[in-house]
Amino acid sequence: MKKIWTAFFVGTSAAVIAIYLSGYEYIFRAVAINLKKGALTPSTDDEEKFPSLEVHHANPTSWEKHNLYNKHELSDCILKDLKKTRASSLIVISDHKIIHEQYWKDHSTSSLMNSFSMAKGILCILVGFAIDDGYLESEDQLISTLFPSYQNSRYGKFLRIRHLMTMQAGFDWEEEYHHPFAENSKQYFVDDLAKQAFNIDLKAMPGEHYEYQSVAAQILGLALREAIGKNLSSYLSEKLWKPLGMEHSAKWSTDEKGIEKSFCCIHASARDFAKIGQFIMQNGNWEGKQLLNKDFCKKLLTPTKENDAFCFNIWADKTSSIKHWSFYGFLGQFIIMIPEKKMVVVKTGLYNRLDVDEKKRPLQVKLLVDEISNIF
């Protein structure tokens, strides 16, 4: 028995050393964080797991309630799907008023829930503000003007802000969520995001092919921070959270150096996520004030030639009977905009096996659009 235990400890020690030497030491940090603070996998309730910067609000205003607020019953089809996908919230905004609101699993109007990749679309909105403010020349500005090291890269010298927003950067990066040694897993738990991101070179000419890569959003976030000279959380507060009268301050998860996870992880309430959708559906106008350039808002929602389902980190479906656009985050987080119905839908949840169409758009979005358009 003593020999068995000796062999076990020797083997375990060797495995630990091998993991450290291979650059996967973040796995131990991930295990420690998850064992201490909740679920063993990423979830919508990761707010307290990581350091964060606060996105301050001011003069909060609540959605006006529709006279039919919560008087419609959801269809069995929707209820079944929401149960299956472990929904935590569902909000429907109709003609600027909240008409349906429902929460599950101990969530409420004040719960801050993880945006996951919906943050990528919000990041692109901030790019629009930075252009308006003169911090950036345009979406066609070369990244090498902010990070000169890209001038020494065969393909990096051609990399533009637009390529990062449309997932046409061409990084040597495989988007993979299902095993702990993937770059995405490392990105979620690593303590130095910039070091990881800048170590990823390009494998192809930017702008020629679509390939969804979370590292592109992280580089975009770092570039935006460099351009505006402040953290992204402060800029988000200044440009959206305060002007839109968000009901709650939000939190943006960071690495150990205080750099925002710009590929994900803005923790906000479902009601406040809905204001983001309403704002973009109104072409950057809020309560009569044009806060963001109309033309940029149109670009945000214009699909690329390389992928007619993808815009500036916002998904589009212009071929369905009811055209719609959506912010889409891991595990089923959505801000859905349905302009012809003057509706915004927010749904959050915790399900990692969503069915998708040939364009990789989650079928749940279309189901919600079709069913909710009929109900309300």
Protein backbone atom coordinates (compact mmCIF):
# COMPACT_ATOMS: atom_id res chain seq x y z
CA MET A 1 0.00 0.00 0.00
CA LYS A 2 2.87 2.36 0.87
CA LYS A 3 4.33 1.80 -2.59
CA ILE A 4 0.99 2.57 -4.16
CA TRP A 5 0.66 5.88 -2.29
CA THR A 6 4.27 6.78 -3.11
CA ALA A 7 3.63 6.12 -6.79
CA PHE A 8 0.43 8.18 -6.64
CA PHE A 9 2.13 11.20 -5.10
CA VAL A 10 5.12 10.97 -7.43
CA GLY A 11 2.83 10.70 -10.43
CA THR A 12 0.64 13.57 -9.26
CA SER A 13 3.64 15.79 -8.60
CA ALA A 14 5.04 15.02 -12.04
CA ALA A 15 1.69 15.88 -13.63
CA VAL A 16 1.52 19.19 -11.75
CA ILE A 17 5.06 20.11 -12.80
CA ALA A 18 4.31 19.16 -16.42
CA ILE A 19 1.22 21.36 -16.46
CA TYR A 20 3.17 24.32 -15.10
CA LEU A 21 6.01 23.86 -17.58
CA SER A 22 3.56 23.57 -20.47
CA GLY A 23 2.03 26.97 -19.75
CA TYR A 24 -1.27 25.65 -18.39
CA GLU A 25 -0.80 26.85 -14.79
CA TYR A 26 -4.05 28.85 -15.12
CA ILE A 27 -5.91 25.54 -14.72
CA PHE A 28 -4.97 25.45 -11.03
CA ARG A 29 -6.23 29.00 -10.63
CA ALA A 30 -9.47 28.03 -12.37
CA VAL A 31 -10.01 25.08 -10.05
CA ALA A 32 -9.25 27.18 -6.98
CA ILE A 33 -11.65 29.95 -8.03
CA ASN A 34 -14.47 27.57 -8.86
CA LEU A 35 -14.13 25.42 -5.77
CA LYS A 36 -14.17 28.51 -3.58
CA LYS A 37 -16.94 30.47 -5.27
CA GLY A 38 -19.50 28.21 -6.90
CA ALA A 39 -19.98 26.14 -10.03
CA LEU A 40 -17.06 24.29 -11.58
CA THR A 41 -17.81 25.76 -15.02
CA PRO A 42 -18.47 29.30 -16.30
CA SER A 43 -21.96 30.57 -15.50
CA THR A 44 -24.14 33.65 -15.68
CA ASP A 45 -23.52 34.16 -11.97
CA ASP A 46 -19.73 34.55 -12.12
CA GLU A 47 -19.85 38.13 -10.85
CA GLU A 48 -17.94 37.42 -7.63
CA LYS A 49 -15.43 34.94 -9.04
CA PHE A 50 -13.10 37.48 -10.60
CA PRO A 51 -11.84 40.99 -9.91
CA SER A 52 -13.88 43.63 -11.70
CA LEU A 53 -14.27 47.32 -12.40
CA GLU A 54 -17.58 49.01 -11.69
CA VAL A 55 -19.57 50.59 -14.49
CA HIS A 56 -21.25 53.38 -12.57
CA HIS A 57 -24.77 54.57 -13.29
CA ALA A 58 -26.46 57.87 -12.44
CA ASN A 59 -30.06 59.11 -12.25
CA PRO A 60 -31.54 55.63 -12.78
CA THR A 61 -34.83 55.42 -14.63
CA SER A 62 -37.06 52.36 -14.78
CA TRP A 63 -38.81 51.09 -17.86
CA GLU A 64 -42.38 52.31 -18.11
CA LYS A 65 -44.72 49.38 -17.72
CA HIS A 66 -47.18 48.54 -20.48
CA ASN A 67 -50.82 48.46 -19.48
CA LEU A 68 -50.72 44.76 -20.34
CA TYR A 69 -47.60 44.13 -18.25
CA ASN A 70 -47.33 40.41 -17.44
CA LYS A 71 -50.92 39.78 -18.54
CA HIS A 72 -49.96 37.59 -21.50
CA GLU A 73 -49.22 33.92 -20.99
CA LEU A 74 -46.18 32.49 -22.70
CA SER A 75 -46.81 29.63 -25.11
CA ASP A 76 -46.08 26.07 -24.07
CA CYS A 77 -43.43 26.02 -26.79
CA ILE A 78 -41.51 28.90 -25.21
CA LEU A 79 -41.94 27.63 -21.65
CA LYS A 80 -40.66 24.20 -22.59
CA ASP A 81 -37.65 25.71 -24.36
CA LEU A 82 -36.86 28.09 -21.50
CA LYS A 83 -36.99 25.25 -19.00
CA LYS A 84 -34.72 23.10 -21.15
CA THR A 85 -32.17 25.90 -21.52
CA ARG A 86 -32.27 26.79 -17.82
CA ALA A 87 -33.44 30.35 -18.34
CA SER A 88 -32.75 32.88 -15.59
CA SER A 89 -34.63 35.83 -17.10
CA LEU A 90 -36.89 36.86 -19.96
CA ILE A 91 -37.86 40.45 -20.71
CA VAL A 92 -39.96 41.77 -23.57
CA ILE A 93 -40.00 45.47 -24.46
CA SER A 94 -42.84 46.53 -26.76
CA ASP A 95 -42.94 50.06 -28.18
CA HIS A 96 -40.59 51.42 -25.47
CA LYS A 97 -42.52 49.81 -22.60
CA ILE A 98 -41.89 46.64 -20.65
CA ILE A 99 -44.72 44.23 -21.36
CA HIS A 100 -43.35 40.97 -19.96
CA GLU A 101 -40.80 40.18 -17.28
CA GLN A 102 -40.01 36.86 -15.68
CA TYR A 103 -37.17 35.44 -13.60
CA TRP A 104 -36.13 31.98 -12.51
CA LYS A 105 -33.61 30.36 -10.17
CA ASP A 106 -33.51 33.11 -7.55
CA HIS A 107 -32.82 35.88 -10.05
CA SER A 108 -34.59 39.25 -9.95
CA THR A 109 -34.62 42.74 -11.45
CA SER A 110 -31.42 43.56 -9.55
CA SER A 111 -29.46 40.41 -10.45
CA LEU A 112 -26.25 41.10 -12.34
CA MET A 113 -25.85 38.42 -14.98
CA ASN A 114 -22.86 37.63 -17.17
CA SER A 115 -23.14 38.92 -20.72
CA PHE A 116 -20.48 36.54 -22.03
CA SER A 117 -19.95 37.42 -25.72
CA MET A 118 -22.75 39.99 -25.81
CA ALA A 119 -19.93 42.19 -24.48
CA LYS A 120 -18.29 41.99 -27.91
CA GLY A 121 -21.21 43.88 -29.45
CA ILE A 122 -21.18 46.43 -26.63
CA LEU A 123 -17.44 46.87 -27.21
CA CYS A 124 -18.15 47.73 -30.84
CA ILE A 125 -20.63 50.39 -29.70
CA LEU A 126 -17.80 51.92 -27.66
CA VAL A 127 -15.65 51.95 -30.80
CA GLY A 128 -18.34 54.10 -32.43
CA PHE A 129 -18.22 56.55 -29.53
CA ALA A 130 -14.42 56.64 -29.72
CA ILE A 131 -14.61 57.58 -33.40
CA ASP A 132 -17.16 60.30 -32.61
CA ASP A 133 -14.90 61.61 -29.83
CA GLY A 134 -11.83 61.71 -32.09
CA TYR A 135 -9.90 59.03 -30.21
CA LEU A 136 -9.98 56.81 -33.31
CA GLU A 137 -9.78 57.86 -36.96
CA SER A 138 -12.36 55.34 -38.20
CA GLU A 139 -13.09 51.63 -38.14
CA ASP A 140 -10.46 51.30 -40.90
CA GLN A 141 -7.60 52.52 -38.69
CA LEU A 142 -4.63 50.14 -38.62
CA ILE A 143 -4.00 48.43 -35.30
CA SER A 144 -0.27 49.06 -35.83
CA THR A 145 -0.91 52.79 -35.24
CA LEU A 146 -1.75 51.84 -31.66
CA PHE A 147 0.53 48.82 -31.26
CA PRO A 148 3.60 49.31 -33.52
CA SER A 149 4.77 45.71 -32.99
CA TYR A 150 2.16 44.62 -35.54
CA GLN A 151 4.22 46.36 -38.22
CA ASN A 152 6.69 43.50 -37.87
CA SER A 153 4.06 40.81 -38.48
CA ARG A 154 3.64 39.45 -42.02
CA TYR A 155 -0.15 39.84 -41.84
CA GLY A 156 -0.49 41.95 -38.70
CA LYS A 157 0.68 45.07 -40.54
CA PHE A 158 -2.62 44.93 -42.47
CA LEU A 159 -4.87 44.40 -39.43
CA ARG A 160 -7.58 47.05 -38.98
CA ILE A 161 -10.15 47.76 -36.30
CA ARG A 162 -12.88 46.65 -38.72
CA HIS A 163 -11.33 43.20 -38.98
CA LEU A 164 -11.51 42.75 -35.21
CA MET A 165 -15.19 43.76 -35.13
CA THR A 166 -16.22 41.47 -38.00
CA MET A 167 -14.15 38.42 -37.00
CA GLN A 168 -11.95 38.62 -40.08
CA ALA A 169 -8.63 39.13 -38.31
CA GLY A 170 -7.08 35.78 -39.25
CA PHE A 171 -5.42 34.98 -35.93
CA ASP A 172 -3.77 31.63 -35.31
CA TRP A 173 -6.49 30.75 -32.82
CA GLU A 174 -9.00 27.92 -32.64
CA GLU A 175 -12.25 28.86 -30.89
CA GLU A 176 -12.88 25.95 -28.54
CA TYR A 177 -14.95 25.87 -25.35
CA HIS A 178 -15.10 22.22 -24.41
CA HIS A 179 -11.76 21.31 -22.86
CA PRO A 180 -9.58 22.98 -20.20
CA PHE A 181 -6.45 23.23 -22.38
CA ALA A 182 -8.12 25.38 -25.07
CA GLU A 183 -7.06 29.00 -25.54
CA ASN A 184 -10.62 30.08 -24.66
CA SER A 185 -10.37 28.34 -21.29
CA LYS A 186 -7.02 30.00 -20.70
CA GLN A 187 -8.48 33.37 -21.72
CA TYR A 188 -11.28 33.08 -19.15
CA PHE A 189 -8.97 32.36 -16.22
CA VAL A 190 -5.53 33.75 -17.16
CA ASP A 191 -4.12 36.51 -14.96
CA ASP A 192 -2.53 38.51 -17.83
CA LEU A 193 -4.85 38.91 -20.82
CA ALA A 194 -2.56 41.22 -22.78
CA LYS A 195 0.34 38.77 -22.60
CA GLN A 196 -1.83 35.96 -23.95
CA ALA A 197 -3.43 38.09 -26.69
CA PHE A 198 -0.21 39.63 -27.98
CA ASN A 199 1.41 36.19 -28.18
CA ILE A 200 -1.14 35.13 -30.80
CA ASP A 201 0.09 35.93 -34.31
CA LEU A 202 -1.92 36.02 -37.52
CA LYS A 203 -2.07 33.06 -39.88
CA ALA A 204 -3.87 34.72 -42.81
CA MET A 205 -4.48 38.06 -44.48
CA PRO A 206 -7.05 40.09 -42.51
CA GLY A 207 -10.34 40.82 -44.22
CA GLU A 208 -10.41 37.78 -46.49
CA HIS A 209 -12.18 35.18 -44.37
CA TYR A 210 -14.64 35.04 -41.46
CA GLU A 211 -13.55 33.02 -38.43
CA TYR A 212 -15.03 33.69 -35.00
CA GLN A 213 -12.14 34.26 -32.57
CA SER A 214 -12.48 35.69 -29.08
CA VAL A 215 -8.88 36.88 -29.13
CA ALA A 216 -9.93 39.45 -31.76
CA ALA A 217 -12.28 41.07 -29.24
CA GLN A 218 -9.56 41.10 -26.59
CA ILE A 219 -7.13 42.84 -28.94
CA LEU A 220 -9.92 45.28 -29.85
CA GLY A 221 -10.48 46.06 -26.19
CA LEU A 222 -6.77 46.62 -25.60
CA ALA A 223 -6.61 48.89 -28.66
CA LEU A 224 -9.60 50.89 -27.49
CA ARG A 225 -8.09 51.34 -24.01
CA GLU A 226 -4.88 52.56 -25.64
CA ALA A 227 -6.76 55.03 -27.83
CA ILE A 228 -9.03 56.56 -25.17
CA GLY A 229 -6.42 56.58 -22.41
CA LYS A 230 -8.75 55.17 -19.76
CA ASN A 231 -10.30 51.86 -18.81
CA LEU A 232 -13.24 50.51 -20.77
CA SER A 233 -15.49 50.42 -17.71
CA SER A 234 -15.20 54.18 -17.18
CA TYR A 235 -15.90 54.84 -20.85
CA LEU A 236 -18.91 52.51 -20.82
CA SER A 237 -20.23 54.36 -17.79
CA GLU A 238 -19.68 57.74 -19.42
CA LYS A 239 -21.15 56.84 -22.79
CA LEU A 240 -24.00 54.43 -21.99
CA TRP A 241 -24.66 53.59 -18.35
CA LYS A 242 -25.15 57.17 -17.20
CA PRO A 243 -26.82 58.67 -20.33
CA LEU A 244 -29.30 55.79 -20.59
CA GLY A 245 -30.20 55.99 -16.91
CA MET A 246 -29.38 52.35 -16.26
CA GLU A 247 -31.17 51.01 -13.18
CA HIS A 248 -28.05 49.43 -11.69
CA SER A 249 -24.33 49.85 -11.88
CA ALA A 250 -22.68 47.00 -13.76
CA LYS A 251 -19.40 45.16 -13.27
CA TRP A 252 -16.85 44.27 -15.93
CA SER A 253 -14.60 41.34 -15.02
CA THR A 254 -10.86 41.89 -15.33
CA ASP A 255 -7.65 39.94 -15.13
CA GLU A 256 -5.30 40.38 -12.17
CA LYS A 257 -3.80 43.47 -13.80
CA GLY A 258 -7.13 45.29 -14.04
CA ILE A 259 -7.58 44.77 -17.79
CA GLU A 260 -11.19 44.15 -18.80
CA LYS A 261 -12.16 40.84 -20.36
CA SER A 262 -13.34 42.62 -23.47
CA PHE A 263 -14.27 39.33 -25.12
CA CYS A 264 -16.91 38.80 -22.44
CA CYS A 265 -18.14 39.32 -18.92
CA ILE A 266 -20.10 42.52 -18.43
CA HIS A 267 -22.36 41.71 -15.48
CA ALA A 268 -25.60 43.69 -15.69
CA SER A 269 -29.31 43.38 -15.07
CA ALA A 270 -31.62 42.08 -17.76
CA ARG A 271 -33.51 45.40 -17.78
CA ASP A 272 -30.30 47.31 -18.47
CA PHE A 273 -29.27 44.90 -21.23
CA ALA A 274 -32.65 45.68 -22.80
CA LYS A 275 -31.77 49.39 -22.90
CA ILE A 276 -28.70 48.55 -25.01
CA GLY A 277 -30.93 46.87 -27.59
CA GLN A 278 -33.44 49.71 -27.55
CA PHE A 279 -30.66 52.28 -27.98
CA ILE A 280 -29.22 50.58 -31.07
CA MET A 281 -32.68 49.94 -32.53
CA GLN A 282 -33.23 53.70 -32.23
CA ASN A 283 -30.03 54.34 -34.23
CA GLY A 284 -28.15 55.81 -31.29
CA ASN A 285 -30.88 58.19 -30.19
CA TRP A 286 -32.09 58.33 -26.59
CA GLU A 287 -34.88 60.57 -25.36
CA GLY A 288 -34.45 62.90 -28.31
CA LYS A 289 -30.67 63.17 -28.08
CA GLN A 290 -28.42 61.68 -30.75
CA LEU A 291 -25.74 60.10 -28.58
CA LEU A 292 -24.05 57.96 -31.23
CA ASN A 293 -23.58 58.63 -34.94
CA LYS A 294 -26.49 57.25 -36.99
CA ASP A 295 -24.24 56.04 -39.77
CA PHE A 296 -22.13 54.02 -37.37
CA CYS A 297 -25.27 52.45 -35.89
CA LYS A 298 -26.24 51.33 -39.40
CA LYS A 299 -22.78 49.83 -39.87
CA LEU A 300 -23.19 47.97 -36.58
CA LEU A 301 -26.19 46.16 -38.06
CA THR A 302 -24.89 45.64 -41.60
CA PRO A 303 -23.74 42.09 -42.38
CA THR A 304 -20.41 41.58 -44.11
CA LYS A 305 -19.91 40.06 -47.55
CA GLU A 306 -17.87 37.27 -46.00
CA ASN A 307 -20.69 36.29 -43.62
CA ASP A 308 -24.19 37.64 -44.25
CA ALA A 309 -25.23 36.61 -40.72
CA PHE A 310 -22.59 38.67 -38.91
CA CYS A 311 -22.19 42.42 -38.53
CA PHE A 312 -20.00 44.31 -36.03
CA ASN A 313 -20.11 41.48 -33.45
CA ILE A 314 -23.90 41.49 -33.75
CA TRP A 315 -25.75 38.65 -35.46
CA ALA A 316 -28.32 39.25 -38.20
CA ASP A 317 -31.17 37.27 -39.71
CA LYS A 318 -32.56 39.18 -42.66
CA THR A 319 -33.96 36.15 -44.47
CA SER A 320 -36.57 35.12 -41.89
CA SER A 321 -40.14 36.32 -42.24
CA ILE A 322 -39.48 38.61 -39.27
CA LYS A 323 -36.07 40.24 -39.66
CA HIS A 324 -34.10 40.53 -36.45
CA TRP A 325 -30.65 41.19 -34.99
CA SER A 326 -29.12 39.86 -31.79
CA PHE A 327 -26.24 40.13 -29.36
CA TYR A 328 -25.31 36.53 -28.53
CA GLY A 329 -23.38 35.24 -25.53
CA PHE A 330 -22.17 31.81 -24.45
CA LEU A 331 -24.71 29.61 -22.63
CA GLY A 332 -27.64 31.42 -24.25
CA GLN A 333 -27.52 35.14 -23.44
CA PHE A 334 -29.42 37.28 -25.95
CA ILE A 335 -30.41 40.85 -26.63
CA ILE A 336 -32.77 40.54 -29.59
CA MET A 337 -33.90 43.52 -31.67
CA ILE A 338 -37.01 43.25 -33.85
CA PRO A 339 -37.39 46.68 -35.53
CA GLU A 340 -40.57 46.00 -37.50
CA LYS A 341 -42.33 44.98 -34.29
CA LYS A 342 -40.68 47.73 -32.18
CA MET A 343 -39.63 45.00 -29.79
CA VAL A 344 -36.55 44.14 -27.77
CA VAL A 345 -36.20 40.77 -26.06
CA VAL A 346 -33.61 39.84 -23.45
CA LYS A 347 -33.12 36.25 -22.39
CA THR A 348 -30.41 34.90 -20.10
CA GLY A 349 -29.74 31.28 -19.26
CA LEU A 350 -27.29 28.48 -18.63
CA TYR A 351 -27.24 25.89 -21.41
CA ASN A 352 -24.22 24.79 -23.40
CA ARG A 353 -25.88 22.70 -26.10
CA LEU A 354 -27.99 25.19 -28.04
CA ASP A 355 -28.93 24.04 -31.54
CA VAL A 356 -27.69 26.34 -34.30
CA ASP A 357 -28.46 26.88 -37.96
CA GLU A 358 -26.01 26.63 -40.87
CA LYS A 359 -24.73 30.14 -40.04
CA LYS A 360 -24.08 29.17 -36.38
CA ARG A 361 -26.99 31.31 -35.16
CA PRO A 362 -28.83 29.74 -32.19
CA LEU A 363 -32.26 28.47 -33.22
CA GLN A 364 -33.64 29.64 -29.89
CA VAL A 365 -33.42 33.24 -31.10
CA LYS A 366 -35.68 32.57 -34.07
CA LEU A 367 -38.09 30.62 -31.87
CA LEU A 368 -38.34 33.52 -29.43
CA VAL A 369 -38.80 36.02 -32.25
CA ASP A 370 -41.57 34.02 -33.93
CA GLU A 371 -43.44 33.08 -30.75
CA ILE A 372 -43.15 36.42 -28.97
CA SER A 373 -44.16 38.34 -32.07
CA ASN A 374 -47.38 36.30 -32.14
CA ILE A 375 -48.08 36.54 -28.41
CA PHE A 376 -47.47 40.25 -27.95
